[in-house]
């Protein structure tokens, strides 16, 4: 697994070039960790928003994203809940 930080908004050329591959990693994660069937999640369920508390989409999805992050960190990396706070 190779991780790279790329600009998703506005979409950079690197983001566009790697979106399908990134989606496949996301889909595999959902199937293994959350036991989603192969037909879920669809590509339309992947949503990227700018990281800014000034952005309404980011603010509206922050709690859900923070919860997902914490579940991932505790499940995959065995972090404690205190290691997975919103500031992380």
PDB file of N, CA and C in Angstrom:
ATOM      1  N   UNK A   1       0.854  -1.176   0.000  1.00  0.00           N
ATOM      2  CA  UNK A   1       0.000   0.000   0.000  1.00  0.00           C
ATOM      3  C   UNK A   1       0.887   1.221   0.000  1.00  0.00           C
ATOM      4  N   UNK A   2       0.619   2.120  -0.893  1.00  0.00           N
ATOM      5  CA  UNK A   2       1.365   3.368  -0.986  1.00  0.00           C
ATOM      6  C   UNK A   2       0.381   4.500  -0.732  1.00  0.00           C
ATOM      7  N   UNK A   3       0.714   5.366   0.200  1.00  0.00           N
ATOM      8  CA  UNK A   3      -0.164   6.477   0.545  1.00  0.00           C
ATOM      9  C   UNK A   3       0.478   7.775   0.075  1.00  0.00           C
ATOM     10  N   UNK A   4      -0.312   8.571  -0.631  1.00  0.00           N
ATOM     11  CA  UNK A   4       0.143   9.884  -1.069  1.00  0.00           C
ATOM     12  C   UNK A   4      -0.935  10.894  -0.744  1.00  0.00           C
ATOM     13  N   UNK A   5      -0.529  12.063  -0.347  1.00  0.00           N
ATOM     14  CA  UNK A   5      -1.470  13.146  -0.111  1.00  0.00           C
ATOM     15  C   UNK A   5      -1.582  13.937  -1.415  1.00  0.00           C
ATOM     16  N   UNK A   6      -2.805  14.025  -1.915  1.00  0.00           N
ATOM     17  CA  UNK A   6      -3.044  14.782  -3.138  1.00  0.00           C
ATOM     18  C   UNK A   6      -4.210  15.722  -2.917  1.00  0.00           C
ATOM     19  N   UNK A   7      -4.221  16.807  -3.652  1.00  0.00           N
ATOM     20  CA  UNK A   7      -5.309  17.779  -3.529  1.00  0.00           C
ATOM     21  C   UNK A   7      -6.568  17.215  -4.176  1.00  0.00           C
ATOM     22  N   UNK A   8      -7.647  17.160  -3.391  1.00  0.00           N
ATOM     23  CA  UNK A   8      -8.909  16.632  -3.916  1.00  0.00           C
ATOM     24  C   UNK A   8      -9.872  17.741  -4.316  1.00  0.00           C
ATOM     25  N   UNK A   9      -9.611  18.941  -3.846  1.00  0.00           N
ATOM     26  CA  UNK A   9     -10.514  20.039  -4.187  1.00  0.00           C
ATOM     27  C   UNK A   9      -9.733  21.318  -4.347  1.00  0.00           C
ATOM     28  N   UNK A  10      -9.731  21.919  -5.508  1.00  0.00           N
ATOM     29  CA  UNK A  10     -10.237  21.328  -6.752  1.00  0.00           C
ATOM     30  C   UNK A  10      -9.377  20.130  -7.124  1.00  0.00           C
ATOM     31  N   UNK A  11      -9.965  19.162  -7.802  1.00  0.00           N
ATOM     32  CA  UNK A  11      -9.244  17.921  -8.089  1.00  0.00           C
ATOM     33  C   UNK A  11      -7.944  18.158  -8.859  1.00  0.00           C
ATOM     34  N   UNK A  12      -6.851  17.672  -8.289  1.00  0.00           N
ATOM     35  CA  UNK A  12      -5.557  17.764  -8.966  1.00  0.00           C
ATOM     36  C   UNK A  12      -5.447  16.647  -9.996  1.00  0.00           C
ATOM     37  N   UNK A  13      -4.459  16.741 -10.869  1.00  0.00           N
ATOM     38  CA  UNK A  13      -4.258  15.684 -11.867  1.00  0.00           C
ATOM     39  C   UNK A  13      -3.914  14.358 -11.178  1.00  0.00           C
ATOM     40  N   UNK A  14      -3.168  14.426 -10.054  1.00  0.00           N
ATOM     41  CA  UNK A  14      -2.837  13.206  -9.316  1.00  0.00           C
ATOM     42  C   UNK A  14      -4.094  12.566  -8.727  1.00  0.00           C
ATOM     43  N   UNK A  15      -5.004  13.397  -8.228  1.00  0.00           N
ATOM     44  CA  UNK A  15      -6.258  12.890  -7.676  1.00  0.00           C
ATOM     45  C   UNK A  15      -7.064  12.192  -8.767  1.00  0.00           C
ATOM     46  N   UNK A  16      -7.207  12.857  -9.886  1.00  0.00           N
ATOM     47  CA  UNK A  16      -7.975  12.280 -10.990  1.00  0.00           C
ATOM     48  C   UNK A  16      -7.361  10.966 -11.472  1.00  0.00           C
ATOM     49  N   UNK A  17      -6.033  10.927 -11.518  1.00  0.00           N
ATOM     50  CA  UNK A  17      -5.340   9.737 -12.018  1.00  0.00           C
ATOM     51  C   UNK A  17      -5.435   8.556 -11.060  1.00  0.00           C
ATOM     52  N   UNK A  18      -5.630   8.806  -9.763  1.00  0.00           N
ATOM     53  CA  UNK A  18      -5.622   7.721  -8.781  1.00  0.00           C
ATOM     54  C   UNK A  18      -6.982   7.476  -8.131  1.00  0.00           C
ATOM     55  N   UNK A  19      -8.019   8.171  -8.561  1.00  0.00           N
ATOM     56  CA  UNK A  19      -9.317   8.044  -7.900  1.00  0.00           C
ATOM     57  C   UNK A  19      -9.849   6.619  -7.965  1.00  0.00           C
ATOM     58  N   UNK A  20      -9.818   5.997  -9.116  1.00  0.00           N
ATOM     59  CA  UNK A  20     -10.365   4.643  -9.248  1.00  0.00           C
ATOM     60  C   UNK A  20      -9.618   3.652  -8.352  1.00  0.00           C
ATOM     61  N   UNK A  21      -8.305   3.761  -8.310  1.00  0.00           N
ATOM     62  CA  UNK A  21      -7.512   2.884  -7.457  1.00  0.00           C
ATOM     63  C   UNK A  21      -7.827   3.143  -5.980  1.00  0.00           C
ATOM     64  N   UNK A  22      -7.953   4.398  -5.610  1.00  0.00           N
ATOM     65  CA  UNK A  22      -8.290   4.749  -4.229  1.00  0.00           C
ATOM     66  C   UNK A  22      -9.673   4.229  -3.862  1.00  0.00           C
ATOM     67  N   UNK A  23     -10.601   4.330  -4.787  1.00  0.00           N
ATOM     68  CA  UNK A  23     -11.952   3.834  -4.553  1.00  0.00           C
ATOM     69  C   UNK A  23     -11.927   2.331  -4.299  1.00  0.00           C
ATOM     70  N   UNK A  24     -11.112   1.590  -5.046  1.00  0.00           N
ATOM     71  CA  UNK A  24     -11.030   0.142  -4.856  1.00  0.00           C
ATOM     72  C   UNK A  24     -10.494  -0.195  -3.463  1.00  0.00           C
ATOM     73  N   UNK A  25      -9.540   0.581  -2.954  1.00  0.00           N
ATOM     74  CA  UNK A  25      -9.032   0.377  -1.595  1.00  0.00           C
ATOM     75  C   UNK A  25     -10.144   0.650  -0.588  1.00  0.00           C
ATOM     76  N   UNK A  26     -10.861   1.739  -0.788  1.00  0.00           N
ATOM     77  CA  UNK A  26     -11.984   2.089   0.094  1.00  0.00           C
ATOM     78  C   UNK A  26     -13.034   0.974   0.084  1.00  0.00           C
ATOM     79  N   UNK A  27     -13.374   0.498  -1.102  1.00  0.00           N
ATOM     80  CA  UNK A  27     -14.392  -0.542  -1.230  1.00  0.00           C
ATOM     81  C   UNK A  27     -13.949  -1.820  -0.519  1.00  0.00           C
ATOM     82  N   UNK A  28     -12.686  -2.193  -0.678  1.00  0.00           N
ATOM     83  CA  UNK A  28     -12.169  -3.393  -0.014  1.00  0.00           C
ATOM     84  C   UNK A  28     -12.222  -3.221   1.501  1.00  0.00           C
ATOM     85  N   UNK A  29     -11.854  -2.040   1.979  1.00  0.00           N
ATOM     86  CA  UNK A  29     -11.929  -1.740   3.410  1.00  0.00           C
ATOM     87  C   UNK A  29     -13.360  -1.923   3.912  1.00  0.00           C
ATOM     88  N   UNK A  30     -14.327  -1.376   3.202  1.00  0.00           N
ATOM     89  CA  UNK A  30     -15.731  -1.483   3.613  1.00  0.00           C
ATOM     90  C   UNK A  30     -16.183  -2.935   3.651  1.00  0.00           C
ATOM     91  N   UNK A  31     -15.751  -3.721   2.693  1.00  0.00           N
ATOM     92  CA  UNK A  31     -16.154  -5.120   2.639  1.00  0.00           C
ATOM     93  C   UNK A  31     -15.514  -5.929   3.771  1.00  0.00           C
ATOM     94  N   UNK A  32     -14.235  -5.696   4.049  1.00  0.00           N
ATOM     95  CA  UNK A  32     -13.530  -6.484   5.065  1.00  0.00           C
ATOM     96  C   UNK A  32     -13.905  -6.039   6.474  1.00  0.00           C
ATOM     97  N   UNK A  33     -13.837  -4.765   6.740  1.00  0.00           N
ATOM     98  CA  UNK A  33     -14.062  -4.256   8.096  1.00  0.00           C
ATOM     99  C   UNK A  33     -15.546  -4.196   8.442  1.00  0.00           C
ATOM    100  N   UNK A  34     -16.358  -3.717   7.510  1.00  0.00           N
ATOM    101  CA  UNK A  34     -17.780  -3.496   7.798  1.00  0.00           C
ATOM    102  C   UNK A  34     -18.697  -4.564   7.203  1.00  0.00           C
ATOM    103  N   UNK A  35     -18.088  -5.534   6.538  1.00  0.00           N
ATOM    104  CA  UNK A  35     -18.840  -6.654   5.959  1.00  0.00           C
ATOM    105  C   UNK A  35     -19.879  -6.203   4.935  1.00  0.00           C
ATOM    106  N   UNK A  36     -19.587  -5.108   4.237  1.00  0.00           N
ATOM    107  CA  UNK A  36     -20.489  -4.660   3.171  1.00  0.00           C
ATOM    108  C   UNK A  36     -20.448  -5.667   2.017  1.00  0.00           C
ATOM    109  N   UNK A  37     -21.582  -5.868   1.336  1.00  0.00           N
ATOM    110  CA  UNK A  37     -21.577  -6.752   0.173  1.00  0.00           C
ATOM    111  C   UNK A  37     -20.799  -6.089  -0.972  1.00  0.00           C
ATOM    112  N   UNK A  38     -20.364  -6.883  -1.968  1.00  0.00           N
ATOM    113  CA  UNK A  38     -19.560  -6.330  -3.063  1.00  0.00           C
ATOM    114  C   UNK A  38     -20.220  -5.202  -3.851  1.00  0.00           C
ATOM    115  N   UNK A  39     -21.552  -5.185  -3.894  1.00  0.00           N
ATOM    116  CA  UNK A  39     -22.224  -4.123  -4.647  1.00  0.00           C
ATOM    117  C   UNK A  39     -22.381  -2.834  -3.839  1.00  0.00           C
ATOM    118  N   UNK A  40     -21.887  -2.833  -2.620  1.00  0.00           N
ATOM    119  CA  UNK A  40     -21.917  -1.637  -1.803  1.00  0.00           C
ATOM    120  C   UNK A  40     -20.531  -1.479  -1.220  1.00  0.00           C
ATOM    121  N   UNK A  41     -19.945  -0.390  -1.100  1.00  0.00           N
ATOM    122  CA  UNK A  41     -20.456   0.927  -1.463  1.00  0.00           C
ATOM    123  C   UNK A  41     -20.262   1.205  -2.955  1.00  0.00           C
ATOM    124  N   UNK A  42     -21.120   2.036  -3.467  1.00  0.00           N
ATOM    125  CA  UNK A  42     -20.983   2.428  -4.862  1.00  0.00           C
ATOM    126  C   UNK A  42     -20.048   3.633  -4.938  1.00  0.00           C
ATOM    127  N   UNK A  43     -19.589   3.909  -6.122  1.00  0.00           N
ATOM    128  CA  UNK A  43     -18.672   5.037  -6.313  1.00  0.00           C
ATOM    129  C   UNK A  43     -19.341   6.357  -5.941  1.00  0.00           C
ATOM    130  N   UNK A  44     -20.671   6.399  -6.012  1.00  0.00           N
ATOM    131  CA  UNK A  44     -21.394   7.620  -5.648  1.00  0.00           C
ATOM    132  C   UNK A  44     -21.404   7.877  -4.149  1.00  0.00           C
ATOM    133  N   UNK A  45     -21.045   6.872  -3.347  1.00  0.00           N
ATOM    134  CA  UNK A  45     -21.012   7.056  -1.903  1.00  0.00           C
ATOM    135  C   UNK A  45     -19.701   7.657  -1.415  1.00  0.00           C
ATOM    136  N   UNK A  46     -18.723   7.752  -2.297  1.00  0.00           N
ATOM    137  CA  UNK A  46     -17.450   8.366  -1.934  1.00  0.00           C
ATOM    138  C   UNK A  46     -17.611   9.871  -2.067  1.00  0.00           C
ATOM    139  N   UNK A  47     -17.379  10.562  -0.972  1.00  0.00           N
ATOM    140  CA  UNK A  47     -17.563  12.008  -0.991  1.00  0.00           C
ATOM    141  C   UNK A  47     -16.345  12.652  -0.358  1.00  0.00           C
ATOM    142  N   UNK A  48     -15.721  13.547  -1.093  1.00  0.00           N
ATOM    143  CA  UNK A  48     -14.574  14.269  -0.580  1.00  0.00           C
ATOM    144  C   UNK A  48     -14.950  15.739  -0.448  1.00  0.00           C
ATOM    145  N   UNK A  49     -14.598  16.312   0.652  1.00  0.00           N
ATOM    146  CA  UNK A  49     -14.891  17.723   0.875  1.00  0.00           C
ATOM    147  C   UNK A  49     -13.618  18.412   1.343  1.00  0.00           C
ATOM    148  N   UNK A  50     -13.499  19.713   1.091  1.00  0.00           N
ATOM    149  CA  UNK A  50     -12.317  20.434   1.560  1.00  0.00           C
ATOM    150  C   UNK A  50     -12.249  20.416   3.087  1.00  0.00           C
ATOM    151  N   UNK A  51     -11.043  20.349   3.620  1.00  0.00           N
ATOM    152  CA  UNK A  51     -10.857  20.341   5.073  1.00  0.00           C
ATOM    153  C   UNK A  51     -10.804  21.788   5.541  1.00  0.00           C
ATOM    154  N   UNK A  52     -11.975  22.290   5.928  1.00  0.00           N
ATOM    155  CA  UNK A  52     -12.086  23.672   6.392  1.00  0.00           C
ATOM    156  C   UNK A  52     -13.388  23.819   7.172  1.00  0.00           C
ATOM    157  N   UNK A  53     -13.266  24.312   8.393  1.00  0.00           N
ATOM    158  CA  UNK A  53     -14.474  24.524   9.179  1.00  0.00           C
ATOM    159  C   UNK A  53     -15.319  25.667   8.620  1.00  0.00           C
ATOM    160  N   UNK A  54     -14.791  26.377   7.643  1.00  0.00           N
ATOM    161  CA  UNK A  54     -15.553  27.423   6.962  1.00  0.00           C
ATOM    162  C   UNK A  54     -16.472  26.819   5.899  1.00  0.00           C
ATOM    163  N   UNK A  55     -16.189  25.599   5.492  1.00  0.00           N
ATOM    164  CA  UNK A  55     -16.963  24.943   4.440  1.00  0.00           C
ATOM    165  C   UNK A  55     -18.149  24.201   5.058  1.00  0.00           C
ATOM    166  N   UNK A  56     -19.384  24.504   4.633  1.00  0.00           N
ATOM    167  CA  UNK A  56     -20.567  23.861   5.211  1.00  0.00           C
ATOM    168  C   UNK A  56     -20.577  22.343   5.057  1.00  0.00           C
ATOM    169  N   UNK A  57     -20.093  21.817   3.927  1.00  0.00           N
ATOM    170  CA  UNK A  57     -20.061  20.367   3.733  1.00  0.00           C
ATOM    171  C   UNK A  57     -19.120  19.712   4.741  1.00  0.00           C
ATOM    172  N   UNK A  58     -17.977  20.331   4.973  1.00  0.00           N
ATOM    173  CA  UNK A  58     -17.031  19.779   5.938  1.00  0.00           C
ATOM    174  C   UNK A  58     -17.642  19.781   7.331  1.00  0.00           C
ATOM    175  N   UNK A  59     -18.211  20.915   7.720  1.00  0.00           N
ATOM    176  CA  UNK A  59     -18.816  21.019   9.049  1.00  0.00           C
ATOM    177  C   UNK A  59     -19.921  19.997   9.238  1.00  0.00           C
ATOM    178  N   UNK A  60     -20.739  19.802   8.201  1.00  0.00           N
ATOM    179  CA  UNK A  60     -21.879  18.889   8.341  1.00  0.00           C
ATOM    180  C   UNK A  60     -21.445  17.431   8.407  1.00  0.00           C
ATOM    181  N   UNK A  61     -20.270  17.095   7.887  1.00  0.00           N
ATOM    182  CA  UNK A  61     -19.821  15.704   7.895  1.00  0.00           C
ATOM    183  C   UNK A  61     -18.711  15.439   8.909  1.00  0.00           C
ATOM    184  N   UNK A  62     -18.310  16.447   9.663  1.00  0.00           N
ATOM    185  CA  UNK A  62     -17.166  16.295  10.561  1.00  0.00           C
ATOM    186  C   UNK A  62     -17.387  15.225  11.624  1.00  0.00           C
ATOM    187  N   UNK A  63     -18.519  15.243  12.304  1.00  0.00           N
ATOM    188  CA  UNK A  63     -18.758  14.255  13.365  1.00  0.00           C
ATOM    189  C   UNK A  63     -18.757  12.835  12.817  1.00  0.00           C
ATOM    190  N   UNK A  64     -19.370  12.648  11.674  1.00  0.00           N
ATOM    191  CA  UNK A  64     -19.395  11.325  11.048  1.00  0.00           C
ATOM    192  C   UNK A  64     -17.979  10.897  10.660  1.00  0.00           C
ATOM    193  N   UNK A  65     -17.202  11.817  10.120  1.00  0.00           N
ATOM    194  CA  UNK A  65     -15.825  11.503   9.731  1.00  0.00           C
ATOM    195  C   UNK A  65     -14.963  11.201  10.946  1.00  0.00           C
ATOM    196  N   UNK A  66     -15.121  11.978  12.015  1.00  0.00           N
ATOM    197  CA  UNK A  66     -14.339  11.758  13.238  1.00  0.00           C
ATOM    198  C   UNK A  66     -14.670  10.399  13.854  1.00  0.00           C
ATOM    199  N   UNK A  67     -15.940  10.017  13.823  1.00  0.00           N
ATOM    200  CA  UNK A  67     -16.353   8.721  14.350  1.00  0.00           C
ATOM    201  C   UNK A  67     -15.753   7.588  13.521  1.00  0.00           C
ATOM    202  N   UNK A  68     -15.793   7.718  12.201  1.00  0.00           N
ATOM    203  CA  UNK A  68     -15.215   6.706  11.320  1.00  0.00           C
ATOM    204  C   UNK A  68     -13.713   6.599  11.548  1.00  0.00           C
ATOM    205  N   UNK A  69     -13.042   7.730  11.668  1.00  0.00           N
ATOM    206  CA  UNK A  69     -11.603   7.739  11.930  1.00  0.00           C
ATOM    207  C   UNK A  69     -11.293   6.980  13.222  1.00  0.00           C
ATOM    208  N   UNK A  70     -12.030   7.265  14.278  1.00  0.00           N
ATOM    209  CA  UNK A  70     -11.794   6.617  15.571  1.00  0.00           C
ATOM    210  C   UNK A  70     -12.010   5.108  15.466  1.00  0.00           C
ATOM    211  N   UNK A  71     -13.101   4.693  14.808  1.00  0.00           N
ATOM    212  CA  UNK A  71     -13.364   3.256  14.653  1.00  0.00           C
ATOM    213  C   UNK A  71     -12.236   2.578  13.882  1.00  0.00           C
ATOM    214  N   UNK A  72     -11.790   3.226  12.831  1.00  0.00           N
ATOM    215  CA  UNK A  72     -10.692   2.676  12.030  1.00  0.00           C
ATOM    216  C   UNK A  72      -9.423   2.553  12.867  1.00  0.00           C
ATOM    217  N   UNK A  73      -9.039   3.617  13.561  1.00  0.00           N
ATOM    218  CA  UNK A  73      -7.805   3.616  14.348  1.00  0.00           C
ATOM    219  C   UNK A  73      -7.842   2.546  15.446  1.00  0.00           C
ATOM    220  N   UNK A  74      -8.979   2.413  16.099  1.00  0.00           N
ATOM    221  CA  UNK A  74      -9.087   1.424  17.172  1.00  0.00           C
ATOM    222  C   UNK A  74      -9.122  -0.002  16.621  1.00  0.00           C
ATOM    223  N   UNK A  75      -9.798  -0.213  15.497  1.00  0.00           N
ATOM    224  CA  UNK A  75      -9.925  -1.553  14.921  1.00  0.00           C
ATOM    225  C   UNK A  75      -8.633  -2.002  14.246  1.00  0.00           C
ATOM    226  N   UNK A  76      -8.081  -1.159  13.411  1.00  0.00           N
ATOM    227  CA  UNK A  76      -6.931  -1.554  12.606  1.00  0.00           C
ATOM    228  C   UNK A  76      -5.615  -1.349  13.349  1.00  0.00           C
ATOM    229  N   UNK A  77      -5.478  -0.216  14.032  1.00  0.00           N
ATOM    230  CA  UNK A  77      -4.210   0.128  14.671  1.00  0.00           C
ATOM    231  C   UNK A  77      -4.200  -0.108  16.175  1.00  0.00           C
ATOM    232  N   UNK A  78      -5.335  -0.560  16.704  1.00  0.00           N
ATOM    233  CA  UNK A  78      -5.464  -0.861  18.139  1.00  0.00           C
ATOM    234  C   UNK A  78      -5.199   0.358  19.028  1.00  0.00           C
ATOM    235  N   UNK A  79      -5.505   1.546  18.519  1.00  0.00           N
ATOM    236  CA  UNK A  79      -5.391   2.763  19.325  1.00  0.00           C
ATOM    237  C   UNK A  79      -6.453   2.756  20.411  1.00  0.00           C
ATOM    238  N   UNK A  80      -6.205   3.495  21.470  1.00  0.00           N
ATOM    239  CA  UNK A  80      -7.201   3.659  22.522  1.00  0.00           C
ATOM    240  C   UNK A  80      -8.132   4.801  22.123  1.00  0.00           C
ATOM    241  N   UNK A  81      -9.332   4.869  22.707  1.00  0.00           N
ATOM    242  CA  UNK A  81     -10.242   5.979  22.382  1.00  0.00           C
ATOM    243  C   UNK A  81      -9.608   7.352  22.625  1.00  0.00           C
ATOM    244  N   UNK A  82      -8.760   7.466  23.655  1.00  0.00           N
ATOM    245  CA  UNK A  82      -8.136   8.763  23.911  1.00  0.00           C
ATOM    246  C   UNK A  82      -7.124   9.151  22.835  1.00  0.00           C
ATOM    247  N   UNK A  83      -6.641   8.169  22.075  1.00  0.00           N
ATOM    248  CA  UNK A  83      -5.727   8.461  20.960  1.00  0.00           C
ATOM    249  C   UNK A  83      -6.475   8.880  19.688  1.00  0.00           C
ATOM    250  N   UNK A  84      -7.789   8.854  19.738  1.00  0.00           N
ATOM    251  CA  UNK A  84      -8.593   9.076  18.530  1.00  0.00           C
ATOM    252  C   UNK A  84      -9.527  10.275  18.670  1.00  0.00           C
ATOM    253  N   UNK A  85      -9.115  11.266  19.422  1.00  0.00           N
ATOM    254  CA  UNK A  85      -9.961  12.436  19.620  1.00  0.00           C
ATOM    255  C   UNK A  85     -10.120  13.256  18.347  1.00  0.00           C
ATOM    256  N   UNK A  86     -11.014  14.199  18.374  1.00  0.00           N
ATOM    257  CA  UNK A  86     -11.284  15.028  17.201  1.00  0.00           C
ATOM    258  C   UNK A  86     -10.074  15.830  16.765  1.00  0.00           C
ATOM    259  N   UNK A  87      -9.167  16.133  17.658  1.00  0.00           N
ATOM    260  CA  UNK A  87      -7.970  16.879  17.270  1.00  0.00           C
ATOM    261  C   UNK A  87      -6.977  16.035  16.476  1.00  0.00           C
ATOM    262  N   UNK A  88      -7.118  14.728  16.598  1.00  0.00           N
ATOM    263  CA  UNK A  88      -6.232  13.838  15.848  1.00  0.00           C
ATOM    264  C   UNK A  88      -6.635  13.807  14.394  1.00  0.00           C
TER     265      UNK A  88
END
